[in-house]
Amino acid sequence: MRKLTMDDAEISSEYGINIGRWSRYSGLGEMPFGAMWCEVPAHGQSSVDSHPEVELAVVVAGDATFTVGEREVAAPPGSAMLLDPHESHVIRARDMPVRILSLYWLPE
């Protein structure tokens, strides 16, 4: 068993937010899906993102708002957002930073 936390991740700035890709953990090896930690600063937002993968974004801390097209959905901690391939999306944080665990994979 391995414990993987955002605090232990190698963080970089991508999509206008802080990202910790699981592929950067030493010794983790190949996984059947991609995974990353995401942190949106308080009152901040990600850049618009769209990709061919399905994405499951689980809000682990803070109150997020996901915008997909014209639709905005509030996502408090414990919420999971399932994004279809090529859905343009933006993640916003309110008064405190938002932390998200993002799992993604190419559809079959």
C-alpha atoms as a PDB file:
ATOM      1  CA  MET A   1       0.000   0.000   0.000  1.00  0.00           C
ATOM      2  CA  ARG A   2       1.196   3.525  -0.800  1.00  0.00           C
ATOM      3  CA  LYS A   3      -0.123   6.802   0.525  1.00  0.00           C
ATOM      4  CA  LEU A   4      -0.166   9.535  -2.141  1.00  0.00           C
ATOM      5  CA  THR A   5      -0.882  13.106  -1.064  1.00  0.00           C
ATOM      6  CA  MET A   6      -0.837  16.416  -2.865  1.00  0.00           C
ATOM      7  CA  ASP A   7       1.602  17.733  -0.260  1.00  0.00           C
ATOM      8  CA  ASP A   8       4.096  15.061  -1.366  1.00  0.00           C
ATOM      9  CA  ALA A   9       3.537  15.583  -5.103  1.00  0.00           C
ATOM     10  CA  GLU A  10       5.850  17.390  -7.494  1.00  0.00           C
ATOM     11  CA  ILE A  11       3.731  20.448  -8.348  1.00  0.00           C
ATOM     12  CA  SER A  12       3.873  22.459 -11.573  1.00  0.00           C
ATOM     13  CA  SER A  13       1.765  25.234 -13.031  1.00  0.00           C
ATOM     14  CA  GLU A  14      -0.498  23.957 -15.830  1.00  0.00           C
ATOM     15  CA  TYR A  15      -3.866  25.144 -17.124  1.00  0.00           C
ATOM     16  CA  GLY A  16      -3.551  28.231 -14.898  1.00  0.00           C
ATOM     17  CA  ILE A  17      -3.594  26.109 -11.691  1.00  0.00           C
ATOM     18  CA  ASN A  18      -1.240  23.889  -9.686  1.00  0.00           C
ATOM     19  CA  ILE A  19      -0.972  20.294 -10.908  1.00  0.00           C
ATOM     20  CA  GLY A  20       0.708  17.273  -9.319  1.00  0.00           C
ATOM     21  CA  ARG A  21       0.776  14.435 -11.846  1.00  0.00           C
ATOM     22  CA  TRP A  22       0.937  10.977 -10.307  1.00  0.00           C
ATOM     23  CA  SER A  23       3.407   9.909 -13.005  1.00  0.00           C
ATOM     24  CA  ARG A  24       5.980  12.036 -11.146  1.00  0.00           C
ATOM     25  CA  TYR A  25       5.825   9.940  -7.953  1.00  0.00           C
ATOM     26  CA  SER A  26       8.990   7.838  -7.851  1.00  0.00           C
ATOM     27  CA  GLY A  27       8.530   4.089  -8.119  1.00  0.00           C
ATOM     28  CA  LEU A  28       4.781   4.214  -8.790  1.00  0.00           C
ATOM     29  CA  GLY A  29       5.095   2.505 -12.164  1.00  0.00           C
ATOM     30  CA  GLU A  30       2.606   2.222 -15.004  1.00  0.00           C
ATOM     31  CA  MET A  31      -1.095   2.623 -14.174  1.00  0.00           C
ATOM     32  CA  PRO A  32      -4.161   1.884 -16.349  1.00  0.00           C
ATOM     33  CA  PHE A  33      -5.353   5.500 -16.016  1.00  0.00           C
ATOM     34  CA  GLY A  34      -3.892   8.976 -15.601  1.00  0.00           C
ATOM     35  CA  ALA A  35      -4.185  10.761 -12.279  1.00  0.00           C
ATOM     36  CA  MET A  36      -3.276  14.155 -10.943  1.00  0.00           C
ATOM     37  CA  TRP A  37      -3.893  16.462  -8.040  1.00  0.00           C
ATOM     38  CA  CYS A  38      -5.246  19.890  -8.968  1.00  0.00           C
ATOM     39  CA  GLU A  39      -5.310  22.990  -6.785  1.00  0.00           C
ATOM     40  CA  VAL A  40      -7.203  26.116  -7.782  1.00  0.00           C
ATOM     41  CA  PRO A  41      -6.241  29.128  -5.629  1.00  0.00           C
ATOM     42  CA  ALA A  42      -8.928  31.031  -3.726  1.00  0.00           C
ATOM     43  CA  HIS A  43     -10.917  33.274  -6.108  1.00  0.00           C
ATOM     44  CA  GLY A  44      -9.014  31.695  -9.031  1.00  0.00           C
ATOM     45  CA  GLN A  45      -9.930  29.527 -11.962  1.00  0.00           C
ATOM     46  CA  SER A  46      -8.384  27.093 -14.421  1.00  0.00           C
ATOM     47  CA  SER A  47      -7.936  27.886 -18.096  1.00  0.00           C
ATOM     48  CA  VAL A  48     -10.469  26.398 -20.469  1.00  0.00           C
ATOM     49  CA  ASP A  49      -9.560  22.739 -20.959  1.00  0.00           C
ATOM     50  CA  SER A  50     -10.765  20.076 -23.384  1.00  0.00           C
ATOM     51  CA  HIS A  51      -9.230  16.654 -24.031  1.00  0.00           C
ATOM     52  CA  PRO A  52     -10.034  13.257 -25.576  1.00  0.00           C
ATOM     53  CA  GLU A  53     -10.103  11.478 -22.202  1.00  0.00           C
ATOM     54  CA  VAL A  54     -13.052  10.859 -19.886  1.00  0.00           C
ATOM     55  CA  GLU A  55     -12.297  12.659 -16.599  1.00  0.00           C
ATOM     56  CA  LEU A  56     -13.568  11.937 -13.110  1.00  0.00           C
ATOM     57  CA  ALA A  57     -12.830  14.983 -10.936  1.00  0.00           C
ATOM     58  CA  VAL A  58     -13.384  14.448  -7.202  1.00  0.00           C
ATOM     59  CA  VAL A  59     -13.436  17.589  -5.041  1.00  0.00           C
ATOM     60  CA  VAL A  60     -11.514  16.760  -1.867  1.00  0.00           C
ATOM     61  CA  ALA A  61     -11.325  20.254  -0.322  1.00  0.00           C
ATOM     62  CA  GLY A  62     -12.941  23.646  -0.895  1.00  0.00           C
ATOM     63  CA  ASP A  63     -16.050  24.658  -2.814  1.00  0.00           C
ATOM     64  CA  ALA A  64     -15.645  24.460  -6.589  1.00  0.00           C
ATOM     65  CA  THR A  65     -17.814  25.534  -9.484  1.00  0.00           C
ATOM     66  CA  PHE A  66     -17.488  23.590 -12.742  1.00  0.00           C
ATOM     67  CA  THR A  67     -18.514  25.333 -15.940  1.00  0.00           C
ATOM     68  CA  VAL A  68     -19.182  23.202 -19.015  1.00  0.00           C
ATOM     69  CA  GLY A  69     -20.444  25.301 -21.900  1.00  0.00           C
ATOM     70  CA  GLU A  70     -23.151  27.557 -20.465  1.00  0.00           C
ATOM     71  CA  ARG A  71     -23.858  25.233 -17.524  1.00  0.00           C
ATOM     72  CA  GLU A  72     -22.435  25.961 -14.055  1.00  0.00           C
ATOM     73  CA  VAL A  73     -22.553  23.328 -11.316  1.00  0.00           C
ATOM     74  CA  ALA A  74     -21.583  23.868  -7.664  1.00  0.00           C
ATOM     75  CA  ALA A  75     -19.323  21.102  -6.360  1.00  0.00           C
ATOM     76  CA  PRO A  76     -18.693  21.056  -2.593  1.00  0.00           C
ATOM     77  CA  PRO A  77     -16.169  18.638  -1.036  1.00  0.00           C
ATOM     78  CA  GLY A  78     -17.154  15.048  -1.711  1.00  0.00           C
ATOM     79  CA  SER A  79     -18.625  15.855  -5.135  1.00  0.00           C
ATOM     80  CA  ALA A  80     -17.531  13.907  -8.197  1.00  0.00           C
ATOM     81  CA  MET A  81     -17.875  15.382 -11.671  1.00  0.00           C
ATOM     82  CA  LEU A  82     -17.742  13.043 -14.667  1.00  0.00           C
ATOM     83  CA  LEU A  83     -16.654  14.921 -17.800  1.00  0.00           C
ATOM     84  CA  ASP A  84     -17.146  13.443 -21.251  1.00  0.00           C
ATOM     85  CA  PRO A  85     -14.391  13.559 -23.881  1.00  0.00           C
ATOM     86  CA  HIS A  86     -13.935  16.968 -25.536  1.00  0.00           C
ATOM     87  CA  GLU A  87     -16.203  18.814 -23.063  1.00  0.00           C
ATOM     88  CA  SER A  88     -14.670  22.247 -22.599  1.00  0.00           C
ATOM     89  CA  HIS A  89     -14.562  22.989 -18.879  1.00  0.00           C
ATOM     90  CA  VAL A  90     -13.352  25.524 -16.328  1.00  0.00           C
ATOM     91  CA  ILE A  91     -12.982  25.016 -12.580  1.00  0.00           C
ATOM     92  CA  ARG A  92     -13.420  27.967 -10.223  1.00  0.00           C
ATOM     93  CA  ALA A  93     -12.657  28.346  -6.520  1.00  0.00           C
ATOM     94  CA  ARG A  94     -14.612  30.590  -4.195  1.00  0.00           C
ATOM     95  CA  ASP A  95     -13.258  31.926  -0.901  1.00  0.00           C
ATOM     96  CA  MET A  96     -10.732  29.158  -0.291  1.00  0.00           C
ATOM     97  CA  PRO A  97      -8.431  26.999  -2.428  1.00  0.00           C
ATOM     98  CA  VAL A  98     -10.003  23.956  -4.073  1.00  0.00           C
ATOM     99  CA  ARG A  99      -8.232  20.593  -4.221  1.00  0.00           C
ATOM    100  CA  ILE A 100      -9.316  17.976  -6.724  1.00  0.00           C
ATOM    101  CA  LEU A 101      -8.239  14.443  -7.502  1.00  0.00           C
ATOM    102  CA  SER A 102      -8.551  13.983 -11.267  1.00  0.00           C
ATOM    103  CA  LEU A 103      -8.595  10.487 -12.810  1.00  0.00           C
ATOM    104  CA  TYR A 104      -8.712  10.231 -16.588  1.00  0.00           C
ATOM    105  CA  TRP A 105      -8.626   7.590 -19.303  1.00  0.00           C
ATOM    106  CA  LEU A 106      -9.298   7.201 -23.003  1.00  0.00           C
ATOM    107  CA  PRO A 107     -12.734   5.758 -23.721  1.00  0.00           C
ATOM    108  CA  GLU A 108     -12.853   2.327 -25.377  1.00  0.00           C
END
